[in-house]
Amino acid sequence: WSHCLDGRRYAVASYRMLQKQRPIEMYHFSPPVRA
């Protein structure tokens, strides 16, 4: 039960580390790991 949740996690974690918060569209392919 983690694949789409990983899509959120990687995108948001990467975005938060790499950019200032502003409206942005992000996509992510989910890996087989935890959410």
All heavy atoms as atom14 arrays in JSON, in Angstrom:
{
  "sequence": "WSHCLDGRRYAVASYRMLQKQRPIEMYHFSPPVRA",
  "atom14_mask": [
    [1, 1, 1, 1, 1, 1, 1, 1, 1, 1, 1, 1, 1, 1],
    [1, 1, 1, 1, 1, 1, 0, 0, 0, 0, 0, 0, 0, 0],
    [1, 1, 1, 1, 1, 1, 1, 1, 1, 1, 0, 0, 0, 0],
    [1, 1, 1, 1, 1, 1, 0, 0, 0, 0, 0, 0, 0, 0],
    [1, 1, 1, 1, 1, 1, 1, 1, 0, 0, 0, 0, 0, 0],
    [1, 1, 1, 1, 1, 1, 1, 1, 0, 0, 0, 0, 0, 0],
    [1, 1, 1, 1, 0, 0, 0, 0, 0, 0, 0, 0, 0, 0],
    [1, 1, 1, 1, 1, 1, 1, 1, 1, 1, 1, 0, 0, 0],
    [1, 1, 1, 1, 1, 1, 1, 1, 1, 1, 1, 0, 0, 0],
    [1, 1, 1, 1, 1, 1, 1, 1, 1, 1, 1, 1, 0, 0],
    [1, 1, 1, 1, 1, 0, 0, 0, 0, 0, 0, 0, 0, 0],
    [1, 1, 1, 1, 1, 1, 1, 0, 0, 0, 0, 0, 0, 0],
    [1, 1, 1, 1, 1, 0, 0, 0, 0, 0, 0, 0, 0, 0],
    [1, 1, 1, 1, 1, 1, 0, 0, 0, 0, 0, 0, 0, 0],
    [1, 1, 1, 1, 1, 1, 1, 1, 1, 1, 1, 1, 0, 0],
    [1, 1, 1, 1, 1, 1, 1, 1, 1, 1, 1, 0, 0, 0],
    [1, 1, 1, 1, 1, 1, 1, 1, 0, 0, 0, 0, 0, 0],
    [1, 1, 1, 1, 1, 1, 1, 1, 0, 0, 0, 0, 0, 0],
    [1, 1, 1, 1, 1, 1, 1, 1, 1, 0, 0, 0, 0, 0],
    [1, 1, 1, 1, 1, 1, 1, 1, 1, 0, 0, 0, 0, 0],
    [1, 1, 1, 1, 1, 1, 1, 1, 1, 0, 0, 0, 0, 0],
    [1, 1, 1, 1, 1, 1, 1, 1, 1, 1, 1, 0, 0, 0],
    [1, 1, 1, 1, 1, 1, 1, 0, 0, 0, 0, 0, 0, 0],
    [1, 1, 1, 1, 1, 1, 1, 1, 0, 0, 0, 0, 0, 0],
    [1, 1, 1, 1, 1, 1, 1, 1, 1, 0, 0, 0, 0, 0],
    [1, 1, 1, 1, 1, 1, 1, 1, 0, 0, 0, 0, 0, 0],
    [1, 1, 1, 1, 1, 1, 1, 1, 1, 1, 1, 1, 0, 0],
    [1, 1, 1, 1, 1, 1, 1, 1, 1, 1, 0, 0, 0, 0],
    [1, 1, 1, 1, 1, 1, 1, 1, 1, 1, 1, 0, 0, 0],
    [1, 1, 1, 1, 1, 1, 0, 0, 0, 0, 0, 0, 0, 0],
    [1, 1, 1, 1, 1, 1, 1, 0, 0, 0, 0, 0, 0, 0],
    [1, 1, 1, 1, 1, 1, 1, 0, 0, 0, 0, 0, 0, 0],
    [1, 1, 1, 1, 1, 1, 1, 0, 0, 0, 0, 0, 0, 0],
    [1, 1, 1, 1, 1, 1, 1, 1, 1, 1, 1, 0, 0, 0],
    [1, 1, 1, 1, 1, 0, 0, 0, 0, 0, 0, 0, 0, 0]
  ],
  "atom14_positions": [
    [[0.82, -1.21, 0.0], [0.0, 0.0, 0.0], [0.85, 1.26, 0.0], [0.53, 2.22, 0.68], [-0.94, 0.0, 1.21], [-1.77, -1.23, 1.31], [-1.62, -2.25, 2.21], [-2.86, -1.59, 0.47], [-2.56, -3.21, 1.98], [-3.34, -2.84, 0.92], [-3.49, -0.98, -0.62], [-4.4, -3.48, 0.32], [-4.56, -1.64, -1.22], [-5.01, -2.87, -0.75]],
    [[1.93, 1.29, -0.75], [2.84, 2.43, -0.64], [3.18, 3.13, -1.94], [3.84, 4.16, -1.92], [4.15, 1.97, 0.01], [4.82, 1.04, -0.81], [0.0, 0.0, 0.0], [0.0, 0.0, 0.0], [0.0, 0.0, 0.0], [0.0, 0.0, 0.0], [0.0, 0.0, 0.0], [0.0, 0.0, 0.0], [0.0, 0.0, 0.0], [0.0, 0.0, 0.0]],
    [[2.78, 2.65, -3.07], [3.3, 3.14, -4.35], [2.89, 4.58, -4.68], [3.74, 5.41, -5.0], [2.94, 2.18, -5.46], [3.37, 0.78, -5.14], [4.69, 0.4, -5.11], [2.66, -0.3, -4.76], [4.77, -0.86, -4.76], [3.56, -1.31, -4.53], [0.0, 0.0, 0.0], [0.0, 0.0, 0.0], [0.0, 0.0, 0.0], [0.0, 0.0, 0.0]],
    [[1.62, 4.89, -4.6], [1.19, 6.28, -4.85], [1.63, 7.2, -3.71], [1.97, 8.36, -3.94], [-0.31, 6.36, -5.02], [-0.91, 5.6, -6.55], [0.0, 0.0, 0.0], [0.0, 0.0, 0.0], [0.0, 0.0, 0.0], [0.0, 0.0, 0.0], [0.0, 0.0, 0.0], [0.0, 0.0, 0.0], [0.0, 0.0, 0.0], [0.0, 0.0, 0.0]],
    [[1.66, 6.66, -2.5], [2.12, 7.45, -1.36], [3.59, 7.84, -1.53], [3.99, 8.94, -1.17], [1.92, 6.68, -0.06], [0.48, 6.28, 0.26], [0.43, 5.47, 1.54], [-0.41, 7.49, 0.33], [0.0, 0.0, 0.0], [0.0, 0.0, 0.0], [0.0, 0.0, 0.0], [0.0, 0.0, 0.0], [0.0, 0.0, 0.0], [0.0, 0.0, 0.0]],
    [[4.37, 6.94, -2.1], [5.76, 7.26, -2.39], [5.86, 8.38, -3.42], [6.78, 9.18, -3.39], [6.51, 6.04, -2.9], [6.7, 4.98, -1.84], [6.75, 5.33, -0.64], [6.79, 3.8, -2.19], [0.0, 0.0, 0.0], [0.0, 0.0, 0.0], [0.0, 0.0, 0.0], [0.0, 0.0, 0.0], [0.0, 0.0, 0.0], [0.0, 0.0, 0.0]],
    [[4.88, 8.43, -4.32], [4.83, 9.51, -5.3], [4.73, 10.87, -4.64], [5.27, 11.85, -5.13], [0.0, 0.0, 0.0], [0.0, 0.0, 0.0], [0.0, 0.0, 0.0], [0.0, 0.0, 0.0], [0.0, 0.0, 0.0], [0.0, 0.0, 0.0], [0.0, 0.0, 0.0], [0.0, 0.0, 0.0], [0.0, 0.0, 0.0], [0.0, 0.0, 0.0]],
    [[4.04, 10.92, -3.54], [3.98, 12.17, -2.77], [5.29, 12.39, -2.03], [5.85, 13.48, -2.05], [2.87, 12.09, -1.73], [1.52, 12.44, -2.22], [0.56, 12.4, -1.06], [-0.63, 13.16, -1.39], [-1.67, 13.23, -0.59], [-1.69, 12.6, 0.55], [-2.72, 13.94, -0.94], [0.0, 0.0, 0.0], [0.0, 0.0, 0.0], [0.0, 0.0, 0.0]],
    [[5.76, 11.37, -1.37], [6.91, 11.51, -0.48], [8.16, 11.97, -1.22], [8.81, 12.92, -0.81], [7.16, 10.17, 0.23], [8.27, 10.23, 1.24], [8.35, 8.94, 2.03], [8.59, 7.77, 1.22], [9.78, 7.38, 0.79], [10.86, 8.09, 1.08], [9.91, 6.3, 0.08], [0.0, 0.0, 0.0], [0.0, 0.0, 0.0], [0.0, 0.0, 0.0]],
    [[8.51, 11.31, -2.32], [9.73, 11.7, -3.04], [9.61, 13.1, -3.62], [10.54, 13.89, -3.56], [10.07, 10.71, -4.15], [10.93, 9.58, -3.68], [10.5, 8.28, -3.78], [12.18, 9.82, -3.13], [11.28, 7.24, -3.35], [12.97, 8.78, -2.69], [12.52, 7.49, -2.8], [13.3, 6.46, -2.38], [0.0, 0.0, 0.0], [0.0, 0.0, 0.0]],
    [[8.47, 13.4, -4.21], [8.31, 14.72, -4.83], [8.36, 15.83, -3.79], [9.07, 16.82, -3.96], [7.0, 14.77, -5.61], [0.0, 0.0, 0.0], [0.0, 0.0, 0.0], [0.0, 0.0, 0.0], [0.0, 0.0, 0.0], [0.0, 0.0, 0.0], [0.0, 0.0, 0.0], [0.0, 0.0, 0.0], [0.0, 0.0, 0.0], [0.0, 0.0, 0.0]],
    [[7.61, 15.67, -2.7], [7.56, 16.72, -1.69], [8.89, 16.87, -0.97], [9.38, 17.98, -0.77], [6.41, 16.46, -0.67], [6.48, 17.42, 0.5], [5.07, 16.58, -1.38], [0.0, 0.0, 0.0], [0.0, 0.0, 0.0], [0.0, 0.0, 0.0], [0.0, 0.0, 0.0], [0.0, 0.0, 0.0], [0.0, 0.0, 0.0], [0.0, 0.0, 0.0]],
    [[9.52, 15.75, -0.59], [10.81, 15.83, 0.09], [11.86, 16.48, -0.81], [12.64, 17.32, -0.36], [11.27, 14.44, 0.52], [0.0, 0.0, 0.0], [0.0, 0.0, 0.0], [0.0, 0.0, 0.0], [0.0, 0.0, 0.0], [0.0, 0.0, 0.0], [0.0, 0.0, 0.0], [0.0, 0.0, 0.0], [0.0, 0.0, 0.0], [0.0, 0.0, 0.0]],
    [[11.87, 16.12, -2.08], [12.84, 16.69, -3.01], [12.57, 18.17, -3.23], [13.49, 19.0, -3.22], [12.79, 15.95, -4.34], [13.14, 14.59, -4.16], [0.0, 0.0, 0.0], [0.0, 0.0, 0.0], [0.0, 0.0, 0.0], [0.0, 0.0, 0.0], [0.0, 0.0, 0.0], [0.0, 0.0, 0.0], [0.0, 0.0, 0.0], [0.0, 0.0, 0.0]],
    [[11.31, 18.51, -3.41], [10.92, 19.91, -3.6], [11.31, 20.75, -2.39], [11.89, 21.82, -2.53], [9.42, 19.98, -3.86], [8.83, 21.36, -3.71], [9.08, 22.33, -4.67], [8.03, 21.68, -2.63], [8.54, 23.6, -4.54], [7.48, 22.93, -2.5], [7.75, 23.9, -3.45], [7.21, 25.14, -3.32], [0.0, 0.0, 0.0], [0.0, 0.0, 0.0]],
    [[11.02, 20.26, -1.2], [11.3, 21.02, 0.02], [12.8, 21.2, 0.22], [13.23, 22.2, 0.78], [10.69, 20.31, 1.24], [9.18, 20.25, 1.24], [8.56, 21.52, 1.6], [8.94, 21.83, 2.97], [8.53, 22.86, 3.64], [7.72, 23.71, 3.1], [8.93, 23.07, 4.86], [0.0, 0.0, 0.0], [0.0, 0.0, 0.0], [0.0, 0.0, 0.0]],
    [[13.59, 20.27, -0.23], [15.04, 20.38, -0.08], [15.65, 21.29, -1.15], [16.65, 21.92, -0.91], [15.7, 19.0, -0.18], [15.46, 18.13, 1.03], [16.22, 18.77, 2.52], [17.95, 18.59, 2.14], [0.0, 0.0, 0.0], [0.0, 0.0, 0.0], [0.0, 0.0, 0.0], [0.0, 0.0, 0.0], [0.0, 0.0, 0.0], [0.0, 0.0, 0.0]],
    [[15.04, 21.35, -2.32], [15.68, 22.0, -3.46], [15.14, 23.38, -3.81], [15.78, 24.13, -4.52], [15.57, 21.08, -4.69], [16.2, 19.7, -4.52], [15.87, 18.84, -5.73], [17.69, 19.79, -4.3], [0.0, 0.0, 0.0], [0.0, 0.0, 0.0], [0.0, 0.0, 0.0], [0.0, 0.0, 0.0], [0.0, 0.0, 0.0], [0.0, 0.0, 0.0]],
    [[13.93, 23.72, -3.34], [13.34, 24.99, -3.75], [12.6, 25.64, -2.59], [12.21, 24.99, -1.65], [12.35, 24.75, -4.89], [13.0, 24.15, -6.1], [11.99, 23.97, -7.22], [10.86, 24.43, -7.15], [12.41, 23.31, -8.27], [0.0, 0.0, 0.0], [0.0, 0.0, 0.0], [0.0, 0.0, 0.0], [0.0, 0.0, 0.0], [0.0, 0.0, 0.0]],
    [[12.37, 26.92, -2.72], [11.52, 27.62, -1.75], [10.08, 27.25, -2.04], [9.73, 26.94, -3.16], [11.71, 29.13, -1.87], [13.09, 29.59, -1.48], [13.14, 31.1, -1.55], [14.57, 31.53, -1.36], [14.82, 32.18, -0.15], [0.0, 0.0, 0.0], [0.0, 0.0, 0.0], [0.0, 0.0, 0.0], [0.0, 0.0, 0.0], [0.0, 0.0, 0.0]],
    [[9.24, 27.34, -1.02], [7.84, 26.96, -1.19], [7.11, 27.97, -2.07], [7.09, 29.15, -1.8], [7.16, 26.88, 0.17], [5.76, 26.34, 0.09], [5.17, 26.13, 1.46], [5.87, 26.06, 2.43], [3.87, 26.04, 1.51], [0.0, 0.0, 0.0], [0.0, 0.0, 0.0], [0.0, 0.0, 0.0], [0.0, 0.0, 0.0], [0.0, 0.0, 0.0]],
    [[6.5, 27.47, -3.13], [5.65, 28.26, -4.03], [4.81, 27.26, -4.81], [5.13, 26.09, -4.86], [6.48, 29.12, -4.97], [7.41, 28.34, -5.87], [8.24, 29.29, -6.75], [9.26, 28.58, -7.45], [9.07, 27.87, -8.55], [7.89, 27.74, -9.07], [10.08, 27.24, -9.12], [0.0, 0.0, 0.0], [0.0, 0.0, 0.0], [0.0, 0.0, 0.0]],
    [[3.71, 27.69, -5.42], [2.91, 26.74, -6.19], [3.76, 26.11, -7.3], [4.46, 26.8, -8.04], [1.8, 27.6, -6.79], [1.71, 28.77, -5.88], [3.11, 29.01, -5.38], [0.0, 0.0, 0.0], [0.0, 0.0, 0.0], [0.0, 0.0, 0.0], [0.0, 0.0, 0.0], [0.0, 0.0, 0.0], [0.0, 0.0, 0.0], [0.0, 0.0, 0.0]],
    [[3.74, 24.79, -7.37], [4.53, 24.07, -8.36], [3.86, 22.72, -8.64], [3.27, 22.14, -7.75], [5.98, 23.87, -7.88], [6.84, 23.25, -8.97], [6.04, 23.05, -6.62], [8.31, 23.26, -8.66], [0.0, 0.0, 0.0], [0.0, 0.0, 0.0], [0.0, 0.0, 0.0], [0.0, 0.0, 0.0], [0.0, 0.0, 0.0], [0.0, 0.0, 0.0]],
    [[3.95, 22.26, -9.86], [3.46, 20.93, -10.2], [4.64, 19.99, -10.2], [5.71, 20.32, -10.69], [2.8, 20.94, -11.57], [1.53, 21.75, -11.62], [0.87, 21.7, -12.97], [1.47, 21.17, -13.93], [-0.26, 22.19, -13.08], [0.0, 0.0, 0.0], [0.0, 0.0, 0.0], [0.0, 0.0, 0.0], [0.0, 0.0, 0.0], [0.0, 0.0, 0.0]],
    [[4.43, 18.81, -9.62], [5.5, 17.82, -9.55], [4.92, 16.46, -9.87], [3.81, 16.15, -9.49], [6.08, 17.76, -8.14], [6.63, 19.06, -7.64], [7.04, 18.93, -5.9], [5.42, 19.04, -5.15], [0.0, 0.0, 0.0], [0.0, 0.0, 0.0], [0.0, 0.0, 0.0], [0.0, 0.0, 0.0], [0.0, 0.0, 0.0], [0.0, 0.0, 0.0]],
    [[5.69, 15.63, -10.54], [5.3, 14.25, -10.8], [6.35, 13.36, -10.16], [7.47, 13.76, -9.92], [5.29, 13.96, -12.31], [4.21, 14.68, -13.05], [4.43, 15.93, -13.6], [2.96, 14.1, -13.2], [3.44, 16.57, -14.3], [1.96, 14.75, -13.9], [2.22, 15.98, -14.45], [1.24, 16.61, -15.16], [0.0, 0.0, 0.0], [0.0, 0.0, 0.0]],
    [[5.97, 12.12, -9.94], [6.91, 11.17, -9.38], [6.52, 9.75, -9.74], [5.36, 9.39, -9.71], [6.95, 11.27, -7.85], [7.71, 10.15, -7.26], [9.07, 10.09, -7.32], [7.3, 9.03, -6.65], [9.46, 8.97, -6.76], [8.4, 8.31, -6.35], [0.0, 0.0, 0.0], [0.0, 0.0, 0.0], [0.0, 0.0, 0.0], [0.0, 0.0, 0.0]],
    [[7.51, 8.93, -10.09], [7.31, 7.5, -10.23], [7.63, 6.88, -8.9], [8.69, 7.1, -8.35], [8.25, 6.91, -11.29], [7.84, 7.27, -12.67], [8.55, 8.18, -13.4], [6.71, 6.69, -13.24], [8.17, 8.51, -14.68], [6.33, 7.02, -14.51], [7.07, 7.92, -15.24], [0.0, 0.0, 0.0], [0.0, 0.0, 0.0], [0.0, 0.0, 0.0]],
    [[6.72, 6.07, -8.38], [6.92, 5.52, -7.05], [7.87, 4.34, -7.04], [7.8, 3.48, -7.89], [5.6, 5.1, -6.43], [5.11, 3.95, -7.09], [0.0, 0.0, 0.0], [0.0, 0.0, 0.0], [0.0, 0.0, 0.0], [0.0, 0.0, 0.0], [0.0, 0.0, 0.0], [0.0, 0.0, 0.0], [0.0, 0.0, 0.0], [0.0, 0.0, 0.0]],
    [[8.74, 4.31, -6.05], [9.63, 3.16, -5.85], [8.95, 2.18, -4.89], [8.01, 2.54, -4.19], [10.85, 3.78, -5.2], [10.28, 4.89, -4.41], [9.13, 5.43, -5.23], [0.0, 0.0, 0.0], [0.0, 0.0, 0.0], [0.0, 0.0, 0.0], [0.0, 0.0, 0.0], [0.0, 0.0, 0.0], [0.0, 0.0, 0.0], [0.0, 0.0, 0.0]],
    [[9.44, 0.99, -4.81], [8.87, 0.04, -3.87], [9.44, 0.2, -2.47], [10.22, -0.63, -2.01], [9.28, -1.32, -4.48], [10.54, -1.03, -5.19], [10.41, 0.38, -5.71], [0.0, 0.0, 0.0], [0.0, 0.0, 0.0], [0.0, 0.0, 0.0], [0.0, 0.0, 0.0], [0.0, 0.0, 0.0], [0.0, 0.0, 0.0], [0.0, 0.0, 0.0]],
    [[9.1, 1.29, -1.81], [9.55, 1.53, -0.44], [8.41, 2.05, 0.4], [7.29, 2.18, -0.07], [10.74, 2.51, -0.37], [11.97, 1.94, -1.04], [10.38, 3.84, -0.99], [0.0, 0.0, 0.0], [0.0, 0.0, 0.0], [0.0, 0.0, 0.0], [0.0, 0.0, 0.0], [0.0, 0.0, 0.0], [0.0, 0.0, 0.0], [0.0, 0.0, 0.0]],
    [[8.69, 2.41, 1.64], [7.68, 2.84, 2.59], [7.09, 4.19, 2.27], [7.68, 4.99, 1.58], [8.29, 2.9, 3.99], [8.75, 1.56, 4.45], [9.49, 1.76, 5.69], [10.88, 2.02, 5.31], [11.9, 1.86, 6.08], [11.73, 1.49, 7.31], [13.11, 2.09, 5.66], [0.0, 0.0, 0.0], [0.0, 0.0, 0.0], [0.0, 0.0, 0.0]],
    [[5.94, 4.45, 2.85], [5.29, 5.77, 2.76], [5.09, 6.3, 4.16], [6.01, 6.25, 4.95], [3.98, 5.65, 1.99], [0.0, 0.0, 0.0], [0.0, 0.0, 0.0], [0.0, 0.0, 0.0], [0.0, 0.0, 0.0], [0.0, 0.0, 0.0], [0.0, 0.0, 0.0], [0.0, 0.0, 0.0], [0.0, 0.0, 0.0], [0.0, 0.0, 0.0]]
  ]
}
